[in-house]
PDB file of all heavy atoms in Angstrom:
ATOM      1  N   ALA A   1     -69.432 -18.918 -28.506  1.00  0.00           N
ATOM      2  CA  ALA A   1     -70.090 -20.069 -27.878  1.00  0.00           C
ATOM      3  C   ALA A   1     -69.624 -20.293 -26.442  1.00  0.00           C
ATOM      4  O   ALA A   1     -70.124 -21.190 -25.762  1.00  0.00           O
ATOM      5  CB  ALA A   1     -69.845 -21.321 -28.706  1.00  0.00           C
ATOM      6  N   GLY A   2     -68.660 -19.492 -25.994  1.00  0.00           N
ATOM      7  CA  GLY A   2     -68.188 -19.606 -24.624  1.00  0.00           C
ATOM      8  C   GLY A   2     -67.007 -20.529 -24.434  1.00  0.00           C
ATOM      9  O   GLY A   2     -66.641 -20.858 -23.296  1.00  0.00           O
ATOM     10  N   PHE A   3     -66.378 -20.948 -25.543  1.00  0.00           N
ATOM     11  CA  PHE A   3     -65.193 -21.803 -25.421  1.00  0.00           C
ATOM     12  C   PHE A   3     -63.984 -20.926 -25.112  1.00  0.00           C
ATOM     13  O   PHE A   3     -63.652 -20.015 -25.868  1.00  0.00           O
ATOM     14  CB  PHE A   3     -64.958 -22.573 -26.708  1.00  0.00           C
ATOM     15  CG  PHE A   3     -63.731 -23.438 -26.679  1.00  0.00           C
ATOM     16  CD1 PHE A   3     -63.606 -24.470 -25.763  1.00  0.00           C
ATOM     17  CD2 PHE A   3     -62.685 -23.210 -27.564  1.00  0.00           C
ATOM     18  CE1 PHE A   3     -62.464 -25.271 -25.734  1.00  0.00           C
ATOM     19  CE2 PHE A   3     -61.556 -23.999 -27.551  1.00  0.00           C
ATOM     20  CZ  PHE A   3     -61.439 -25.029 -26.629  1.00  0.00           C
ATOM     21  N   GLU A   4     -63.350 -21.198 -24.003  1.00  0.00           N
ATOM     22  CA  GLU A   4     -62.206 -20.404 -23.573  1.00  0.00           C
ATOM     23  C   GLU A   4     -60.916 -21.175 -23.814  1.00  0.00           C
ATOM     24  O   GLU A   4     -60.758 -22.306 -23.323  1.00  0.00           O
ATOM     25  CB  GLU A   4     -62.341 -20.037 -22.097  1.00  0.00           C
ATOM     26  CG  GLU A   4     -63.543 -19.136 -21.801  1.00  0.00           C
ATOM     27  CD  GLU A   4     -63.593 -18.700 -20.347  1.00  0.00           C
ATOM     28  OE1 GLU A   4     -62.697 -19.090 -19.572  1.00  0.00           O
ATOM     29  OE2 GLU A   4     -64.537 -17.965 -19.997  1.00  0.00           O
ATOM     30  N   ALA A   5     -60.023 -20.573 -24.552  1.00  0.00           N
ATOM     31  CA  ALA A   5     -58.751 -21.223 -24.859  1.00  0.00           C
ATOM     32  C   ALA A   5     -57.709 -20.171 -25.174  1.00  0.00           C
ATOM     33  O   ALA A   5     -58.022 -19.038 -25.534  1.00  0.00           O
ATOM     34  CB  ALA A   5     -58.904 -22.181 -26.040  1.00  0.00           C
ATOM     35  N   ASP A   6     -56.459 -20.571 -25.005  1.00  0.00           N
ATOM     36  CA  ASP A   6     -55.347 -19.773 -25.515  1.00  0.00           C
ATOM     37  C   ASP A   6     -54.951 -20.380 -26.860  1.00  0.00           C
ATOM     38  O   ASP A   6     -54.915 -21.608 -27.013  1.00  0.00           O
ATOM     39  CB  ASP A   6     -54.157 -19.826 -24.556  1.00  0.00           C
ATOM     40  CG  ASP A   6     -54.447 -19.117 -23.241  1.00  0.00           C
ATOM     41  OD1 ASP A   6     -55.105 -18.062 -23.283  1.00  0.00           O
ATOM     42  OD2 ASP A   6     -54.041 -19.630 -22.182  1.00  0.00           O
ATOM     43  N   TYR A   7     -54.660 -19.525 -27.821  1.00  0.00           N
ATOM     44  CA  TYR A   7     -54.303 -19.994 -29.155  1.00  0.00           C
ATOM     45  C   TYR A   7     -52.861 -19.613 -29.467  1.00  0.00           C
ATOM     46  O   TYR A   7     -52.441 -18.486 -29.241  1.00  0.00           O
ATOM     47  CB  TYR A   7     -55.244 -19.384 -30.196  1.00  0.00           C
ATOM     48  CG  TYR A   7     -56.684 -19.805 -30.009  1.00  0.00           C
ATOM     49  CD1 TYR A   7     -57.601 -18.957 -29.387  1.00  0.00           C
ATOM     50  CD2 TYR A   7     -57.137 -21.054 -30.436  1.00  0.00           C
ATOM     51  CE1 TYR A   7     -58.923 -19.335 -29.205  1.00  0.00           C
ATOM     52  CE2 TYR A   7     -58.452 -21.443 -30.259  1.00  0.00           C
ATOM     53  CZ  TYR A   7     -59.347 -20.575 -29.640  1.00  0.00           C
ATOM     54  OH  TYR A   7     -60.653 -20.956 -29.450  1.00  0.00           O
ATOM     55  N   VAL A   8     -52.130 -20.582 -29.979  1.00  0.00           N
ATOM     56  CA  VAL A   8     -50.756 -20.335 -30.388  1.00  0.00           C
ATOM     57  C   VAL A   8     -50.623 -20.764 -31.843  1.00  0.00           C
ATOM     58  O   VAL A   8     -51.020 -21.873 -32.218  1.00  0.00           O
ATOM     59  CB  VAL A   8     -49.750 -21.075 -29.482  1.00  0.00           C
ATOM     60  CG1 VAL A   8     -50.037 -22.574 -29.416  1.00  0.00           C
ATOM     61  CG2 VAL A   8     -48.325 -20.830 -29.934  1.00  0.00           C
ATOM     62  N   GLU A   9     -50.105 -19.866 -32.685  1.00  0.00           N
ATOM     63  CA  GLU A   9     -50.068 -20.135 -34.121  1.00  0.00           C
ATOM     64  C   GLU A   9     -48.811 -20.893 -34.511  1.00  0.00           C
ATOM     65  O   GLU A   9     -47.700 -20.564 -34.075  1.00  0.00           O
ATOM     66  CB  GLU A   9     -50.159 -18.826 -34.904  1.00  0.00           C
ATOM     67  CG  GLU A   9     -50.245 -19.030 -36.406  1.00  0.00           C
ATOM     68  CD  GLU A   9     -50.568 -17.752 -37.163  1.00  0.00           C
ATOM     69  OE1 GLU A   9     -51.521 -17.036 -36.756  1.00  0.00           O
ATOM     70  OE2 GLU A   9     -49.868 -17.464 -38.160  1.00  0.00           O
ATOM     71  N   GLY A  10     -48.990 -21.893 -35.362  1.00  0.00           N
ATOM     72  CA  GLY A  10     -47.873 -22.675 -35.886  1.00  0.00           C
ATOM     73  C   GLY A  10     -47.622 -22.363 -37.345  1.00  0.00           C
ATOM     74  O   GLY A  10     -48.538 -22.009 -38.098  1.00  0.00           O
ATOM     75  N   ASP A  11     -46.363 -22.470 -37.752  1.00  0.00           N
ATOM     76  CA  ASP A  11     -45.962 -22.197 -39.132  1.00  0.00           C
ATOM     77  C   ASP A  11     -46.117 -23.459 -39.969  1.00  0.00           C
ATOM     78  O   ASP A  11     -45.585 -24.523 -39.619  1.00  0.00           O
ATOM     79  CB  ASP A  11     -44.503 -21.733 -39.178  1.00  0.00           C
ATOM     80  CG  ASP A  11     -44.279 -20.431 -38.431  1.00  0.00           C
ATOM     81  OD1 ASP A  11     -45.241 -19.643 -38.329  1.00  0.00           O
ATOM     82  OD2 ASP A  11     -43.149 -20.206 -37.948  1.00  0.00           O
ATOM     83  N   ILE A  12     -46.842 -23.332 -41.075  1.00  0.00           N
ATOM     84  CA  ILE A  12     -47.038 -24.487 -41.951  1.00  0.00           C
ATOM     85  C   ILE A  12     -47.446 -23.991 -43.331  1.00  0.00           C
ATOM     86  O   ILE A  12     -48.087 -22.952 -43.457  1.00  0.00           O
ATOM     87  CB  ILE A  12     -48.120 -25.437 -41.363  1.00  0.00           C
ATOM     88  CG1 ILE A  12     -48.099 -26.809 -42.058  1.00  0.00           C
ATOM     89  CG2 ILE A  12     -49.500 -24.810 -41.437  1.00  0.00           C
ATOM     90  CD1 ILE A  12     -48.932 -27.862 -41.347  1.00  0.00           C
ATOM     91  N   GLY A  13     -47.017 -24.694 -44.362  1.00  0.00           N
ATOM     92  CA  GLY A  13     -47.527 -24.405 -45.682  1.00  0.00           C
ATOM     93  C   GLY A  13     -46.523 -23.915 -46.693  1.00  0.00           C
ATOM     94  O   GLY A  13     -45.301 -23.985 -46.507  1.00  0.00           O
ATOM     95  N   TRP A  14     -47.060 -23.387 -47.774  1.00  0.00           N
ATOM     96  CA  TRP A  14     -46.274 -23.075 -48.962  1.00  0.00           C
ATOM     97  C   TRP A  14     -45.211 -22.012 -48.725  1.00  0.00           C
ATOM     98  O   TRP A  14     -44.097 -22.112 -49.238  1.00  0.00           O
ATOM     99  CB  TRP A  14     -47.218 -22.635 -50.076  1.00  0.00           C
ATOM    100  CG  TRP A  14     -46.586 -22.738 -51.426  1.00  0.00           C
ATOM    101  CD1 TRP A  14     -46.181 -21.714 -52.220  1.00  0.00           C
ATOM    102  CD2 TRP A  14     -46.267 -23.936 -52.131  1.00  0.00           C
ATOM    103  NE1 TRP A  14     -45.625 -22.200 -53.389  1.00  0.00           N
ATOM    104  CE2 TRP A  14     -45.666 -23.560 -53.362  1.00  0.00           C
ATOM    105  CE3 TRP A  14     -46.418 -25.298 -51.849  1.00  0.00           C
ATOM    106  CZ2 TRP A  14     -45.235 -24.500 -54.288  1.00  0.00           C
ATOM    107  CZ3 TRP A  14     -45.985 -26.231 -52.781  1.00  0.00           C
ATOM    108  CH2 TRP A  14     -45.394 -25.823 -53.982  1.00  0.00           C
ATOM    109  N   GLU A  15     -45.535 -20.992 -47.972  1.00  0.00           N
ATOM    110  CA  GLU A  15     -44.563 -19.918 -47.743  1.00  0.00           C
ATOM    111  C   GLU A  15     -43.321 -20.443 -47.037  1.00  0.00           C
ATOM    112  O   GLU A  15     -42.201 -19.972 -47.301  1.00  0.00           O
ATOM    113  CB  GLU A  15     -45.192 -18.787 -46.938  1.00  0.00           C
ATOM    114  CG  GLU A  15     -46.273 -18.020 -47.688  1.00  0.00           C
ATOM    115  CD  GLU A  15     -45.767 -17.461 -49.014  1.00  0.00           C
ATOM    116  OE1 GLU A  15     -44.675 -16.856 -49.026  1.00  0.00           O
ATOM    117  OE2 GLU A  15     -46.455 -17.650 -50.036  1.00  0.00           O
ATOM    118  N   PHE A  16     -43.500 -21.415 -46.161  1.00  0.00           N
ATOM    119  CA  PHE A  16     -42.346 -21.956 -45.421  1.00  0.00           C
ATOM    120  C   PHE A  16     -41.557 -22.927 -46.286  1.00  0.00           C
ATOM    121  O   PHE A  16     -40.347 -23.081 -46.102  1.00  0.00           O
ATOM    122  CB  PHE A  16     -42.823 -22.583 -44.105  1.00  0.00           C
ATOM    123  CG  PHE A  16     -43.480 -21.572 -43.219  1.00  0.00           C
ATOM    124  CD1 PHE A  16     -44.863 -21.426 -43.207  1.00  0.00           C
ATOM    125  CD2 PHE A  16     -42.720 -20.700 -42.464  1.00  0.00           C
ATOM    126  CE1 PHE A  16     -45.478 -20.454 -42.432  1.00  0.00           C
ATOM    127  CE2 PHE A  16     -43.319 -19.723 -41.684  1.00  0.00           C
ATOM    128  CZ  PHE A  16     -44.695 -19.599 -41.673  1.00  0.00           C
ATOM    129  N   TRP A  17     -42.238 -23.558 -47.247  1.00  0.00           N
ATOM    130  CA  TRP A  17     -41.509 -24.323 -48.243  1.00  0.00           C
ATOM    131  C   TRP A  17     -40.620 -23.402 -49.069  1.00  0.00           C
ATOM    132  O   TRP A  17     -39.430 -23.673 -49.261  1.00  0.00           O
ATOM    133  CB  TRP A  17     -42.468 -25.068 -49.162  1.00  0.00           C
ATOM    134  CG  TRP A  17     -41.851 -25.507 -50.455  1.00  0.00           C
ATOM    135  CD1 TRP A  17     -42.057 -24.972 -51.692  1.00  0.00           C
ATOM    136  CD2 TRP A  17     -40.880 -26.555 -50.632  1.00  0.00           C
ATOM    137  NE1 TRP A  17     -41.287 -25.606 -52.635  1.00  0.00           N
ATOM    138  CE2 TRP A  17     -40.550 -26.592 -52.005  1.00  0.00           C
ATOM    139  CE3 TRP A  17     -40.255 -27.455 -49.768  1.00  0.00           C
ATOM    140  CZ2 TRP A  17     -39.638 -27.498 -52.537  1.00  0.00           C
ATOM    141  CZ3 TRP A  17     -39.341 -28.366 -50.294  1.00  0.00           C
ATOM    142  CH2 TRP A  17     -39.037 -28.380 -51.648  1.00  0.00           C
ATOM    143  N   LYS A  18     -41.171 -22.310 -49.535  1.00  0.00           N
ATOM    144  CA  LYS A  18     -40.402 -21.410 -50.401  1.00  0.00           C
ATOM    145  C   LYS A  18     -39.224 -20.775 -49.662  1.00  0.00           C
ATOM    146  O   LYS A  18     -38.131 -20.650 -50.215  1.00  0.00           O
ATOM    147  CB  LYS A  18     -41.315 -20.318 -50.957  1.00  0.00           C
ATOM    148  CG  LYS A  18     -42.370 -20.824 -51.929  1.00  0.00           C
ATOM    149  CD  LYS A  18     -43.012 -19.702 -52.733  1.00  0.00           C
ATOM    150  CE  LYS A  18     -43.747 -18.717 -51.881  1.00  0.00           C
ATOM    151  NZ  LYS A  18     -44.426 -17.671 -52.692  1.00  0.00           N
ATOM    152  N   LYS A  19     -39.431 -20.382 -48.408  1.00  0.00           N
ATOM    153  CA  LYS A  19     -38.393 -19.667 -47.652  1.00  0.00           C
ATOM    154  C   LYS A  19     -37.394 -20.605 -46.986  1.00  0.00           C
ATOM    155  O   LYS A  19     -36.211 -20.292 -46.895  1.00  0.00           O
ATOM    156  CB  LYS A  19     -39.041 -18.803 -46.574  1.00  0.00           C
ATOM    157  CG  LYS A  19     -39.848 -17.628 -47.099  1.00  0.00           C
ATOM    158  CD  LYS A  19     -40.306 -16.725 -45.969  1.00  0.00           C
ATOM    159  CE  LYS A  19     -41.250 -17.424 -45.011  1.00  0.00           C
ATOM    160  NZ  LYS A  19     -41.800 -16.507 -43.979  1.00  0.00           N
ATOM    161  N   GLU A  20     -37.881 -21.770 -46.522  1.00  0.00           N
ATOM    162  CA  GLU A  20     -37.047 -22.632 -45.692  1.00  0.00           C
ATOM    163  C   GLU A  20     -36.806 -24.015 -46.288  1.00  0.00           C
ATOM    164  O   GLU A  20     -35.986 -24.781 -45.767  1.00  0.00           O
ATOM    165  CB  GLU A  20     -37.689 -22.807 -44.307  1.00  0.00           C
ATOM    166  CG  GLU A  20     -37.928 -21.493 -43.570  1.00  0.00           C
ATOM    167  CD  GLU A  20     -38.614 -21.700 -42.228  1.00  0.00           C
ATOM    168  OE1 GLU A  20     -38.527 -22.820 -41.683  1.00  0.00           O
ATOM    169  OE2 GLU A  20     -39.245 -20.759 -41.719  1.00  0.00           O
ATOM    170  N   GLY A  21     -37.547 -24.334 -47.335  1.00  0.00           N
ATOM    171  CA  GLY A  21     -37.414 -25.667 -47.907  1.00  0.00           C
ATOM    172  C   GLY A  21     -38.106 -26.726 -47.073  1.00  0.00           C
ATOM    173  O   GLY A  21     -37.861 -27.931 -47.248  1.00  0.00           O
ATOM    174  N   ASN A  22     -39.001 -26.285 -46.178  1.00  0.00           N
ATOM    175  CA  ASN A  22     -39.712 -27.238 -45.313  1.00  0.00           C
ATOM    176  C   ASN A  22     -41.095 -26.661 -44.996  1.00  0.00           C
ATOM    177  O   ASN A  22     -41.200 -25.682 -44.257  1.00  0.00           O
ATOM    178  CB  ASN A  22     -38.926 -27.462 -44.019  1.00  0.00           C
ATOM    179  CG  ASN A  22     -39.571 -28.525 -43.140  1.00  0.00           C
ATOM    180  OD1 ASN A  22     -40.604 -29.093 -43.483  1.00  0.00           O
ATOM    181  ND2 ASN A  22     -38.960 -28.795 -41.994  1.00  0.00           N
ATOM    182  N   PRO A  23     -42.166 -27.245 -45.560  1.00  0.00           N
ATOM    183  CA  PRO A  23     -43.507 -26.723 -45.282  1.00  0.00           C
ATOM    184  C   PRO A  23     -44.038 -27.121 -43.911  1.00  0.00           C
ATOM    185  O   PRO A  23     -45.090 -26.647 -43.502  1.00  0.00           O
ATOM    186  CB  PRO A  23     -44.352 -27.344 -46.394  1.00  0.00           C
ATOM    187  CG  PRO A  23     -43.666 -28.637 -46.695  1.00  0.00           C
ATOM    188  CD  PRO A  23     -42.193 -28.375 -46.506  1.00  0.00           C
ATOM    189  N   LEU A  24     -43.306 -27.977 -43.211  1.00  0.00           N
ATOM    190  CA  LEU A  24     -43.702 -28.406 -41.862  1.00  0.00           C
ATOM    191  C   LEU A  24     -42.485 -28.299 -40.941  1.00  0.00           C
ATOM    192  O   LEU A  24     -41.821 -29.297 -40.628  1.00  0.00           O
ATOM    193  CB  LEU A  24     -44.241 -29.840 -41.895  1.00  0.00           C
ATOM    194  CG  LEU A  24     -44.693 -30.449 -40.572  1.00  0.00           C
ATOM    195  CD1 LEU A  24     -45.790 -29.619 -39.923  1.00  0.00           C
ATOM    196  CD2 LEU A  24     -45.161 -31.892 -40.779  1.00  0.00           C
ATOM    197  N   PRO A  25     -42.169 -27.090 -40.486  1.00  0.00           N
ATOM    198  CA  PRO A  25     -40.957 -26.907 -39.660  1.00  0.00           C
ATOM    199  C   PRO A  25     -41.028 -27.691 -38.346  1.00  0.00           C
ATOM    200  O   PRO A  25     -42.111 -27.932 -37.802  1.00  0.00           O
ATOM    201  CB  PRO A  25     -40.950 -25.394 -39.400  1.00  0.00           C
ATOM    202  CG  PRO A  25     -41.787 -24.800 -40.490  1.00  0.00           C
ATOM    203  CD  PRO A  25     -42.842 -25.815 -40.778  1.00  0.00           C
ATOM    204  N   ASP A  26     -39.855 -28.040 -37.843  1.00  0.00           N
ATOM    205  CA  ASP A  26     -39.779 -28.800 -36.588  1.00  0.00           C
ATOM    206  C   ASP A  26     -40.438 -28.048 -35.436  1.00  0.00           C
ATOM    207  O   ASP A  26     -40.994 -28.663 -34.524  1.00  0.00           O
ATOM    208  CB  ASP A  26     -38.315 -29.095 -36.240  1.00  0.00           C
ATOM    209  CG  ASP A  26     -37.707 -30.130 -37.169  1.00  0.00           C
ATOM    210  OD1 ASP A  26     -38.478 -30.829 -37.860  1.00  0.00           O
ATOM    211  OD2 ASP A  26     -36.466 -30.232 -37.212  1.00  0.00           O
ATOM    212  N   ARG A  27     -40.380 -26.715 -35.463  1.00  0.00           N
ATOM    213  CA  ARG A  27     -40.970 -25.948 -34.367  1.00  0.00           C
ATOM    214  C   ARG A  27     -42.492 -26.148 -34.303  1.00  0.00           C
ATOM    215  O   ARG A  27     -43.090 -26.087 -33.214  1.00  0.00           O
ATOM    216  CB  ARG A  27     -40.636 -24.463 -34.525  1.00  0.00           C
ATOM    217  CG  ARG A  27     -41.084 -23.823 -35.825  1.00  0.00           C
ATOM    218  CD  ARG A  27     -40.562 -22.403 -35.986  1.00  0.00           C
ATOM    219  NE  ARG A  27     -40.946 -21.778 -37.244  1.00  0.00           N
ATOM    220  CZ  ARG A  27     -40.267 -21.914 -38.381  1.00  0.00           C
ATOM    221  NH1 ARG A  27     -39.155 -22.637 -38.403  1.00  0.00           N
ATOM    222  NH2 ARG A  27     -40.673 -21.304 -39.486  1.00  0.00           N
TER     223      ARG A  27
END
């Protein structure tokens, strides 16, 4: 559609709960 943006991925969800004990890391 012509939308120009840079995308940066954030960590969230079940895998981070299992590995880190926090599904919503501070980063």
